[in-house]
Amino acid sequence: MYQSISPIFKLENPEILPPALLDTLKELHSQYKSLKDGVVANYIPKLTKLNPDLLMICIVTTNGQIYEVGDFQQPFTIQLIAKVFVYGQEAHLTPLTPLSLMDIPSVLIIRW
């Protein structure tokens, strides 16, 4: 279901994202908006009521810059983004080796 995506930018200063990032996010959104793989999880009742065609991509920097495209103003449940926080915590706690780097996606896209 997931595709390997090459890194988009090599950042000299991760606090200042290049202006082209928003354009890249728009391209990614356009590319993946029509993706219909997978099924809506039915073990959480609220998830069954959400529109599976909604897609948003958002990056928030540590200094508060927000880059967002897609259906970002739609409400969604915390279960849908909890994996992002678990992923971040695991990435922080686990030393990265060349093998583990191959298993980590460069871009995280959340569909709800």
Protein backbone atom coordinates (compact mmCIF):
# COMPACT_ATOMS: atom_id res chain seq x y z
CA MET A 1 0.00 0.00 0.00
CA TYR A 2 2.83 2.45 0.78
CA GLN A 3 5.32 3.61 -1.80
CA SER A 4 8.88 4.53 -1.06
CA ILE A 5 9.33 8.25 -1.66
CA SER A 6 12.76 9.82 -1.99
CA PRO A 7 13.51 12.71 0.36
CA ILE A 8 12.17 15.94 -1.08
CA PHE A 9 14.63 18.38 0.45
CA LYS A 10 17.90 18.13 2.32
CA LEU A 11 17.53 20.89 4.89
CA GLU A 12 20.50 22.98 5.98
CA ASN A 13 18.40 24.50 8.77
CA PRO A 14 15.30 22.44 9.66
CA GLU A 15 13.71 25.50 11.28
CA ILE A 16 13.39 27.24 7.90
CA LEU A 17 11.62 25.18 5.28
CA PRO A 18 12.06 26.09 1.62
CA PRO A 19 9.15 27.96 -0.01
CA ALA A 20 8.86 25.18 -2.60
CA LEU A 21 7.72 22.81 0.16
CA LEU A 22 4.08 23.93 -0.11
CA ASP A 23 4.16 23.31 -3.86
CA THR A 24 5.59 19.85 -3.23
CA LEU A 25 2.86 19.11 -0.67
CA LYS A 26 0.24 20.17 -3.22
CA GLU A 27 1.79 17.82 -5.79
CA LEU A 28 1.80 14.94 -3.29
CA HIS A 29 -1.81 15.64 -2.34
CA SER A 30 -2.83 15.65 -5.99
CA GLN A 31 -0.91 12.43 -6.63
CA TYR A 32 -2.38 10.49 -3.67
CA LYS A 33 -5.90 11.99 -3.42
CA SER A 34 -7.29 9.33 -5.75
CA LEU A 35 -5.63 6.42 -3.90
CA LYS A 36 -8.36 4.01 -2.81
CA ASP A 37 -6.29 1.19 -1.27
CA GLY A 38 -7.27 -0.21 2.11
CA VAL A 39 -10.49 -0.19 4.07
CA VAL A 40 -11.88 2.02 6.80
CA ALA A 41 -11.22 0.55 10.24
CA ASN A 42 -14.52 -0.60 11.72
CA TYR A 43 -13.31 -1.38 15.24
CA ILE A 44 -13.71 2.30 16.19
CA PRO A 45 -17.34 3.37 15.60
CA LYS A 46 -16.51 7.04 14.87
CA LEU A 47 -14.16 6.02 12.07
CA THR A 48 -16.95 4.25 10.18
CA LYS A 49 -18.79 7.59 9.91
CA LEU A 50 -15.90 9.49 8.32
CA ASN A 51 -15.58 10.16 4.61
CA PRO A 52 -12.73 7.94 3.34
CA ASP A 53 -12.12 10.32 0.42
CA LEU A 54 -10.75 13.06 2.69
CA LEU A 55 -6.98 13.55 2.62
CA MET A 56 -4.73 16.12 4.22
CA ILE A 57 -1.01 16.59 4.53
CA CYS A 58 0.43 18.86 7.21
CA ILE A 59 3.91 19.70 8.43
CA VAL A 60 4.40 21.80 11.57
CA THR A 61 7.95 22.89 12.36
CA THR A 62 9.33 23.26 15.86
CA ASN A 63 9.17 27.04 15.48
CA GLY A 64 5.49 27.00 14.54
CA GLN A 65 5.51 27.20 10.73
CA ILE A 66 2.51 25.33 9.33
CA TYR A 67 2.37 23.86 5.84
CA GLU A 68 -0.97 22.21 5.06
CA VAL A 69 -2.89 21.10 1.99
CA GLY A 70 -6.10 19.20 1.41
CA ASP A 71 -8.99 18.68 3.80
CA PHE A 72 -7.20 20.05 6.87
CA GLN A 73 -10.24 21.96 8.19
CA GLN A 74 -12.33 18.80 8.55
CA PRO A 75 -12.62 17.40 12.09
CA PHE A 76 -11.16 13.95 12.70
CA THR A 77 -10.61 11.63 15.64
CA ILE A 78 -7.35 11.39 17.59
CA GLN A 79 -7.05 7.69 16.70
CA LEU A 80 -6.14 8.76 13.19
CA ILE A 81 -3.08 10.74 14.21
CA ALA A 82 -2.00 8.77 17.28
CA LYS A 83 0.31 6.69 15.09
CA VAL A 84 2.20 9.85 14.13
CA PHE A 85 3.07 10.51 17.78
CA VAL A 86 4.01 6.88 18.41
CA TYR A 87 6.17 6.95 15.27
CA GLY A 88 7.89 10.15 16.45
CA GLN A 89 8.53 8.73 19.92
CA GLU A 90 9.91 5.50 18.48
CA ALA A 91 12.12 7.41 16.03
CA HIS A 92 13.43 9.48 18.95
CA LEU A 93 14.18 6.43 21.12
CA THR A 94 15.54 4.05 18.49
CA PRO A 95 18.98 4.58 17.01
CA LEU A 96 18.76 4.71 13.23
CA THR A 97 20.79 2.11 11.40
CA PRO A 98 21.01 1.74 7.62
CA LEU A 99 18.57 -1.20 7.84
CA SER A 100 16.01 0.71 9.92
CA LEU A 101 16.34 3.75 7.65
CA MET A 102 15.10 1.66 4.74
CA ASP A 103 11.92 0.87 6.67
CA ILE A 104 11.05 4.48 7.55
CA PRO A 105 8.94 6.41 5.05
CA SER A 106 10.26 9.82 4.01
CA VAL A 107 6.79 11.33 3.87
CA LEU A 108 3.90 10.44 6.12
CA ILE A 109 0.49 10.88 4.51
CA ILE A 110 -2.61 10.48 6.67
CA ARG A 111 -5.95 9.59 5.13
CA TRP A 112 -9.05 9.68 7.29
